Amino acid sequence: MVEDANAVIYTIGSYRLGVHDPGVDIDTLCVGPSYVNRDADFFFVLHDLLSGTEEVTELQPIPDAHVPVMKFKFDGISIDLLYASVSLLVVPDNLDISDVSVLYDVDEPTVRSLNRCRVTDQILKHVPNVEHFRTTFRCLKYWAKQRGVYSNVTGFLGGVNGALLVARVCQFYPNGIPSIRNTIKNSSWDCFEVLQVRERESSNNNYDFE
């Protein structure tokens, strides 16, 4: 087992969506086997390894966050690293993280971490034109940031929330060019209506997403 021990790193967030800006954090997810513990191994052993690495600076573990994260800079590049321990003894390099089976027998922080990657993949899979989606989302981000209203932390839409809204508009207007999409559907959506970009899956766990 020791010889086969491994982990797989995925990009998540805006970097995985292909809409990241220069200088922003690169969000990443480390998927490891079941016997590698988040508290003892990720936030203790890995933290000590990173703290002794010359290229790593500003190392900041946040284990009590809603989604536990390790923040640091590597060669001056800001990294947010999450950890997910899945119910496997060996994590294959070609692990299909979109398969609902990866959510079985894991804790809630792991589900939240995995869904950061899974939701991103589902958005890209269900928009009719990925490049048009990316262009439209970049326009939305620029417009919102110029007005100081792009931030989950301060109660505004941002990140995956904005991505889901743009994805839904792209589904409404699959043949529309990005400049047209930016002027439509801006005030006609019922805020009490659930927004979905795909049909809900039926499974035996409580961790499906819409």
C-alpha atoms as a PDB file:
ATOM      1  CA  MET A   1       0.000   0.000   0.000  1.00  0.00           C
ATOM      2  CA  VAL A   2       2.822   2.408   0.860  1.00  0.00           C
ATOM      3  CA  GLU A   3       4.413   1.898  -2.551  1.00  0.00           C
ATOM      4  CA  ASP A   4       1.111   2.722  -4.257  1.00  0.00           C
ATOM      5  CA  ALA A   5       0.298   5.747  -2.083  1.00  0.00           C
ATOM      6  CA  ASN A   6      -0.496   8.791  -4.181  1.00  0.00           C
ATOM      7  CA  ALA A   7      -2.647  11.879  -4.583  1.00  0.00           C
ATOM      8  CA  VAL A   8      -4.059  13.741  -7.573  1.00  0.00           C
ATOM      9  CA  ILE A   9      -4.155  17.544  -7.943  1.00  0.00           C
ATOM     10  CA  TYR A  10      -7.034  19.259  -9.780  1.00  0.00           C
ATOM     11  CA  THR A  11      -7.509  22.922 -10.557  1.00  0.00           C
ATOM     12  CA  ILE A  12     -10.866  24.371  -9.521  1.00  0.00           C
ATOM     13  CA  GLY A  13     -12.693  27.688  -9.621  1.00  0.00           C
ATOM     14  CA  SER A  14     -11.986  30.348 -12.241  1.00  0.00           C
ATOM     15  CA  TYR A  15      -8.757  28.648 -13.339  1.00  0.00           C
ATOM     16  CA  ARG A  16     -10.600  25.437 -14.196  1.00  0.00           C
ATOM     17  CA  LEU A  17     -13.378  27.411 -15.885  1.00  0.00           C
ATOM     18  CA  GLY A  18     -10.783  29.179 -18.019  1.00  0.00           C
ATOM     19  CA  VAL A  19     -11.803  32.676 -16.885  1.00  0.00           C
ATOM     20  CA  HIS A  20      -8.993  33.485 -14.444  1.00  0.00           C
ATOM     21  CA  ASP A  21      -7.299  36.873 -14.419  1.00  0.00           C
ATOM     22  CA  PRO A  22      -3.553  37.580 -14.120  1.00  0.00           C
ATOM     23  CA  GLY A  23      -2.380  37.719 -10.526  1.00  0.00           C
ATOM     24  CA  VAL A  24      -5.393  36.007  -8.935  1.00  0.00           C
ATOM     25  CA  ASP A  25      -5.188  32.949  -6.682  1.00  0.00           C
ATOM     26  CA  ILE A  26      -5.048  29.537  -8.327  1.00  0.00           C
ATOM     27  CA  ASP A  27      -7.602  27.336  -6.565  1.00  0.00           C
ATOM     28  CA  THR A  28      -6.538  23.688  -6.395  1.00  0.00           C
ATOM     29  CA  LEU A  29      -7.869  20.450  -4.937  1.00  0.00           C
ATOM     30  CA  CYS A  30      -5.738  17.573  -3.676  1.00  0.00           C
ATOM     31  CA  VAL A  31      -7.588  14.225  -3.771  1.00  0.00           C
ATOM     32  CA  GLY A  32      -6.008  11.561  -1.593  1.00  0.00           C
ATOM     33  CA  PRO A  33      -6.806   8.027  -0.366  1.00  0.00           C
ATOM     34  CA  SER A  34      -9.014   7.188   2.600  1.00  0.00           C
ATOM     35  CA  TYR A  35      -6.179   6.635   5.070  1.00  0.00           C
ATOM     36  CA  VAL A  36      -4.693  10.119   4.573  1.00  0.00           C
ATOM     37  CA  ASN A  37      -6.385  12.322   7.151  1.00  0.00           C
ATOM     38  CA  ARG A  38      -7.148  16.004   6.658  1.00  0.00           C
ATOM     39  CA  ASP A  39      -6.318  17.127  10.195  1.00  0.00           C
ATOM     40  CA  ALA A  40      -3.260  14.979  10.952  1.00  0.00           C
ATOM     41  CA  ASP A  41      -1.735  14.568   7.494  1.00  0.00           C
ATOM     42  CA  PHE A  42      -2.833  17.554   5.416  1.00  0.00           C
ATOM     43  CA  PHE A  43      -2.807  20.330   8.031  1.00  0.00           C
ATOM     44  CA  PHE A  44       0.099  18.922  10.039  1.00  0.00           C
ATOM     45  CA  VAL A  45       2.462  16.753   7.972  1.00  0.00           C
ATOM     46  CA  LEU A  46       2.010  18.572   4.653  1.00  0.00           C
ATOM     47  CA  HIS A  47       2.030  21.936   6.416  1.00  0.00           C
ATOM     48  CA  ASP A  48       5.438  21.130   7.932  1.00  0.00           C
ATOM     49  CA  LEU A  49       6.762  19.997   4.531  1.00  0.00           C
ATOM     50  CA  LEU A  50       5.570  23.195   2.871  1.00  0.00           C
ATOM     51  CA  SER A  51       6.933  25.396   5.641  1.00  0.00           C
ATOM     52  CA  GLY A  52      10.376  23.912   5.000  1.00  0.00           C
ATOM     53  CA  THR A  53      10.187  24.495   1.244  1.00  0.00           C
ATOM     54  CA  GLU A  54      12.166  27.507   0.053  1.00  0.00           C
ATOM     55  CA  GLU A  55       9.721  28.470  -2.704  1.00  0.00           C
ATOM     56  CA  VAL A  56       6.762  28.554  -0.284  1.00  0.00           C
ATOM     57  CA  THR A  57       5.923  31.790   1.531  1.00  0.00           C
ATOM     58  CA  GLU A  58       2.937  33.256   3.427  1.00  0.00           C
ATOM     59  CA  LEU A  59       1.748  29.770   4.459  1.00  0.00           C
ATOM     60  CA  GLN A  60      -1.631  30.033   6.177  1.00  0.00           C
ATOM     61  CA  PRO A  61      -3.679  26.944   7.154  1.00  0.00           C
ATOM     62  CA  ILE A  62      -7.410  27.558   7.747  1.00  0.00           C
ATOM     63  CA  PRO A  63      -8.746  24.190   8.998  1.00  0.00           C
ATOM     64  CA  ASP A  64     -11.952  25.614  10.503  1.00  0.00           C
ATOM     65  CA  ALA A  65     -13.215  27.271   7.314  1.00  0.00           C
ATOM     66  CA  HIS A  66     -16.499  26.089   5.749  1.00  0.00           C
ATOM     67  CA  VAL A  67     -14.246  24.535   3.126  1.00  0.00           C
ATOM     68  CA  PRO A  68     -10.897  23.878   4.887  1.00  0.00           C
ATOM     69  CA  VAL A  69      -8.023  25.369   2.907  1.00  0.00           C
ATOM     70  CA  MET A  70      -4.259  25.875   2.963  1.00  0.00           C
ATOM     71  CA  LYS A  71      -3.213  29.246   1.527  1.00  0.00           C
ATOM     72  CA  PHE A  72       0.337  30.008   0.431  1.00  0.00           C
ATOM     73  CA  LYS A  73       2.490  31.476  -2.284  1.00  0.00           C
ATOM     74  CA  PHE A  74       4.726  29.259  -4.416  1.00  0.00           C
ATOM     75  CA  ASP A  75       7.380  31.192  -6.287  1.00  0.00           C
ATOM     76  CA  GLY A  76       5.227  34.278  -5.805  1.00  0.00           C
ATOM     77  CA  ILE A  77       2.051  32.630  -7.166  1.00  0.00           C
ATOM     78  CA  SER A  78      -0.895  32.573  -4.744  1.00  0.00           C
ATOM     79  CA  ILE A  79      -2.318  29.070  -4.203  1.00  0.00           C
ATOM     80  CA  ASP A  80      -5.451  27.960  -2.359  1.00  0.00           C
ATOM     81  CA  LEU A  81      -5.174  24.211  -1.721  1.00  0.00           C
ATOM     82  CA  LEU A  82      -8.137  22.106  -0.567  1.00  0.00           C
ATOM     83  CA  TYR A  83      -8.019  18.445   0.441  1.00  0.00           C
ATOM     84  CA  ALA A  84     -10.493  15.613  -0.165  1.00  0.00           C
ATOM     85  CA  SER A  85     -10.018  12.098   1.194  1.00  0.00           C
ATOM     86  CA  VAL A  86     -12.038   9.654  -0.927  1.00  0.00           C
ATOM     87  CA  SER A  87     -13.012   6.067  -0.131  1.00  0.00           C
ATOM     88  CA  LEU A  88     -10.195   4.499  -2.150  1.00  0.00           C
ATOM     89  CA  LEU A  89      -6.900   2.934  -1.110  1.00  0.00           C
ATOM     90  CA  VAL A  90      -5.267   4.120  -4.352  1.00  0.00           C
ATOM     91  CA  VAL A  91      -6.425   7.214  -6.267  1.00  0.00           C
ATOM     92  CA  PRO A  92      -6.131   6.556 -10.022  1.00  0.00           C
ATOM     93  CA  ASP A  93      -4.650   9.315 -12.178  1.00  0.00           C
ATOM     94  CA  ASN A  94      -7.765   9.159 -14.380  1.00  0.00           C
ATOM     95  CA  LEU A  95     -10.258   9.338 -11.498  1.00  0.00           C
ATOM     96  CA  ASP A  96     -13.625  10.564 -12.803  1.00  0.00           C
ATOM     97  CA  ILE A  97     -14.423  13.154 -10.189  1.00  0.00           C
ATOM     98  CA  SER A  98     -17.827  13.787 -11.796  1.00  0.00           C
ATOM     99  CA  ASP A  99     -18.980  10.277 -10.883  1.00  0.00           C
ATOM    100  CA  VAL A 100     -21.319  10.477  -7.896  1.00  0.00           C
ATOM    101  CA  SER A 101     -19.591   7.469  -6.322  1.00  0.00           C
ATOM    102  CA  VAL A 102     -16.692   9.703  -5.200  1.00  0.00           C
ATOM    103  CA  LEU A 103     -19.101  11.216  -2.656  1.00  0.00           C
ATOM    104  CA  TYR A 104     -19.853   7.924  -0.905  1.00  0.00           C
ATOM    105  CA  ASP A 105     -18.625   7.446   2.680  1.00  0.00           C
ATOM    106  CA  VAL A 106     -16.865  10.814   2.962  1.00  0.00           C
ATOM    107  CA  ASP A 107     -17.353  13.715   5.378  1.00  0.00           C
ATOM    108  CA  GLU A 108     -19.078  16.982   4.527  1.00  0.00           C
ATOM    109  CA  PRO A 109     -15.903  19.086   4.138  1.00  0.00           C
ATOM    110  CA  THR A 110     -14.730  16.528   1.565  1.00  0.00           C
ATOM    111  CA  VAL A 111     -18.054  16.783  -0.274  1.00  0.00           C
ATOM    112  CA  ARG A 112     -17.792  20.579  -0.358  1.00  0.00           C
ATOM    113  CA  SER A 113     -14.228  20.354  -1.628  1.00  0.00           C
ATOM    114  CA  LEU A 114     -15.059  17.793  -4.328  1.00  0.00           C
ATOM    115  CA  ASN A 115     -18.103  19.749  -5.460  1.00  0.00           C
ATOM    116  CA  ARG A 116     -15.919  22.790  -6.153  1.00  0.00           C
ATOM    117  CA  CYS A 117     -14.454  20.739  -8.994  1.00  0.00           C
ATOM    118  CA  ARG A 118     -17.585  18.763  -9.904  1.00  0.00           C
ATOM    119  CA  VAL A 119     -19.805  21.830 -10.300  1.00  0.00           C
ATOM    120  CA  THR A 120     -17.238  23.515 -12.538  1.00  0.00           C
ATOM    121  CA  ASP A 121     -17.076  20.458 -14.799  1.00  0.00           C
ATOM    122  CA  GLN A 122     -20.875  20.266 -15.008  1.00  0.00           C
ATOM    123  CA  ILE A 123     -21.109  23.936 -15.990  1.00  0.00           C
ATOM    124  CA  LEU A 124     -18.623  23.470 -18.839  1.00  0.00           C
ATOM    125  CA  LYS A 125     -20.368  20.267 -19.899  1.00  0.00           C
ATOM    126  CA  HIS A 126     -23.839  21.794 -20.110  1.00  0.00           C
ATOM    127  CA  VAL A 127     -23.230  25.154 -21.784  1.00  0.00           C
ATOM    128  CA  PRO A 128     -23.851  25.077 -25.561  1.00  0.00           C
ATOM    129  CA  ASN A 129     -20.664  26.979 -26.427  1.00  0.00           C
ATOM    130  CA  VAL A 130     -17.796  27.011 -23.912  1.00  0.00           C
ATOM    131  CA  GLU A 131     -15.904  29.911 -25.507  1.00  0.00           C
ATOM    132  CA  HIS A 132     -19.019  32.092 -25.624  1.00  0.00           C
ATOM    133  CA  PHE A 133     -19.690  31.218 -21.978  1.00  0.00           C
ATOM    134  CA  ARG A 134     -16.143  32.219 -21.015  1.00  0.00           C
ATOM    135  CA  THR A 135     -16.310  35.512 -22.891  1.00  0.00           C
ATOM    136  CA  THR A 136     -19.667  36.397 -21.341  1.00  0.00           C
ATOM    137  CA  PHE A 137     -18.510  35.497 -17.848  1.00  0.00           C
ATOM    138  CA  ARG A 138     -15.346  37.564 -18.245  1.00  0.00           C
ATOM    139  CA  CYS A 139     -17.508  40.536 -19.248  1.00  0.00           C
ATOM    140  CA  LEU A 140     -19.753  40.023 -16.221  1.00  0.00           C
ATOM    141  CA  LYS A 141     -16.761  39.782 -13.869  1.00  0.00           C
ATOM    142  CA  TYR A 142     -15.204  42.949 -15.295  1.00  0.00           C
ATOM    143  CA  TRP A 143     -18.506  44.869 -15.079  1.00  0.00           C
ATOM    144  CA  ALA A 144     -19.107  43.753 -11.476  1.00  0.00           C
ATOM    145  CA  LYS A 145     -15.538  44.353 -10.286  1.00  0.00           C
ATOM    146  CA  GLN A 146     -15.536  47.882 -11.753  1.00  0.00           C
ATOM    147  CA  ARG A 147     -18.595  48.604  -9.578  1.00  0.00           C
ATOM    148  CA  GLY A 148     -17.352  46.795  -6.469  1.00  0.00           C
ATOM    149  CA  VAL A 149     -20.161  44.230  -6.505  1.00  0.00           C
ATOM    150  CA  TYR A 150     -18.227  41.029  -7.303  1.00  0.00           C
ATOM    151  CA  SER A 151     -17.601  39.284  -3.988  1.00  0.00           C
ATOM    152  CA  ASN A 152     -19.198  36.388  -2.132  1.00  0.00           C
ATOM    153  CA  VAL A 153     -17.604  37.627   1.092  1.00  0.00           C
ATOM    154  CA  THR A 154     -19.507  40.928   1.033  1.00  0.00           C
ATOM    155  CA  GLY A 155     -22.826  39.367   0.013  1.00  0.00           C
ATOM    156  CA  PHE A 156     -22.697  39.921  -3.745  1.00  0.00           C
ATOM    157  CA  LEU A 157     -22.569  37.319  -6.484  1.00  0.00           C
ATOM    158  CA  GLY A 158     -19.163  35.959  -7.385  1.00  0.00           C
ATOM    159  CA  GLY A 159     -17.349  32.865  -8.479  1.00  0.00           C
ATOM    160  CA  VAL A 160     -19.617  29.880  -8.971  1.00  0.00           C
ATOM    161  CA  ASN A 161     -22.794  31.961  -8.421  1.00  0.00           C
ATOM    162  CA  GLY A 162     -21.990  34.194 -11.356  1.00  0.00           C
ATOM    163  CA  ALA A 163     -20.857  31.222 -13.427  1.00  0.00           C
ATOM    164  CA  LEU A 164     -24.192  29.445 -12.892  1.00  0.00           C
ATOM    165  CA  LEU A 165     -26.170  32.547 -13.876  1.00  0.00           C
ATOM    166  CA  VAL A 166     -24.120  33.045 -17.034  1.00  0.00           C
ATOM    167  CA  ALA A 167     -24.403  29.324 -17.883  1.00  0.00           C
ATOM    168  CA  ARG A 168     -28.202  29.489 -17.599  1.00  0.00           C
ATOM    169  CA  VAL A 169     -28.390  32.551 -19.831  1.00  0.00           C
ATOM    170  CA  CYS A 170     -26.176  30.756 -22.370  1.00  0.00           C
ATOM    171  CA  GLN A 171     -28.658  27.862 -22.311  1.00  0.00           C
ATOM    172  CA  PHE A 172     -31.569  30.250 -22.863  1.00  0.00           C
ATOM    173  CA  TYR A 173     -29.793  31.804 -25.861  1.00  0.00           C
ATOM    174  CA  PRO A 174     -27.485  29.108 -27.304  1.00  0.00           C
ATOM    175  CA  ASN A 175     -26.934  31.029 -30.551  1.00  0.00           C
ATOM    176  CA  GLY A 176     -26.578  34.484 -29.038  1.00  0.00           C
ATOM    177  CA  ILE A 177     -23.241  36.273 -29.137  1.00  0.00           C
ATOM    178  CA  PRO A 178     -21.755  37.360 -25.784  1.00  0.00           C
ATOM    179  CA  SER A 179     -22.463  41.078 -26.273  1.00  0.00           C
ATOM    180  CA  ILE A 180     -26.191  40.344 -26.686  1.00  0.00           C
ATOM    181  CA  ARG A 181     -26.313  37.985 -23.699  1.00  0.00           C
ATOM    182  CA  ASN A 182     -24.948  40.734 -21.470  1.00  0.00           C
ATOM    183  CA  THR A 183     -28.049  42.871 -22.095  1.00  0.00           C
ATOM    184  CA  ILE A 184     -30.756  40.213 -21.615  1.00  0.00           C
ATOM    185  CA  LYS A 185     -32.247  38.348 -18.690  1.00  0.00           C
ATOM    186  CA  ASN A 186     -30.885  41.028 -16.368  1.00  0.00           C
ATOM    187  CA  SER A 187     -34.089  41.589 -14.429  1.00  0.00           C
ATOM    188  CA  SER A 188     -36.612  38.928 -15.458  1.00  0.00           C
ATOM    189  CA  TRP A 189     -35.615  35.967 -13.273  1.00  0.00           C
ATOM    190  CA  ASP A 190     -37.800  35.095 -10.275  1.00  0.00           C
ATOM    191  CA  CYS A 191     -35.377  35.014  -7.335  1.00  0.00           C
ATOM    192  CA  PHE A 192     -37.496  32.340  -5.629  1.00  0.00           C
ATOM    193  CA  GLU A 193     -37.223  29.968  -8.577  1.00  0.00           C
ATOM    194  CA  VAL A 194     -34.490  27.328  -8.379  1.00  0.00           C
ATOM    195  CA  LEU A 195     -31.859  27.849 -11.062  1.00  0.00           C
ATOM    196  CA  GLN A 196     -30.612  24.633 -12.690  1.00  0.00           C
ATOM    197  CA  VAL A 197     -28.214  24.066 -15.558  1.00  0.00           C
ATOM    198  CA  ARG A 198     -28.923  20.297 -15.615  1.00  0.00           C
ATOM    199  CA  GLU A 199     -31.427  17.789 -14.332  1.00  0.00           C
ATOM    200  CA  ARG A 200     -31.007  16.636 -10.757  1.00  0.00           C
ATOM    201  CA  GLU A 201     -29.523  13.170 -10.305  1.00  0.00           C
ATOM    202  CA  SER A 202     -31.286  10.508  -8.275  1.00  0.00           C
ATOM    203  CA  SER A 203     -29.023   8.608  -5.895  1.00  0.00           C
ATOM    204  CA  ASN A 204     -28.883   7.188  -2.392  1.00  0.00           C
ATOM    205  CA  ASN A 205     -26.891  10.008  -0.840  1.00  0.00           C
ATOM    206  CA  ASN A 206     -27.742  13.560   0.162  1.00  0.00           C
ATOM    207  CA  TYR A 207     -24.935  15.262  -1.703  1.00  0.00           C
ATOM    208  CA  ASP A 208     -26.332  15.719  -5.200  1.00  0.00           C
ATOM    209  CA  PHE A 209     -26.101  19.167  -6.705  1.00  0.00           C
ATOM    210  CA  GLU A 210     -28.220  21.121  -9.167  1.00  0.00           C
END
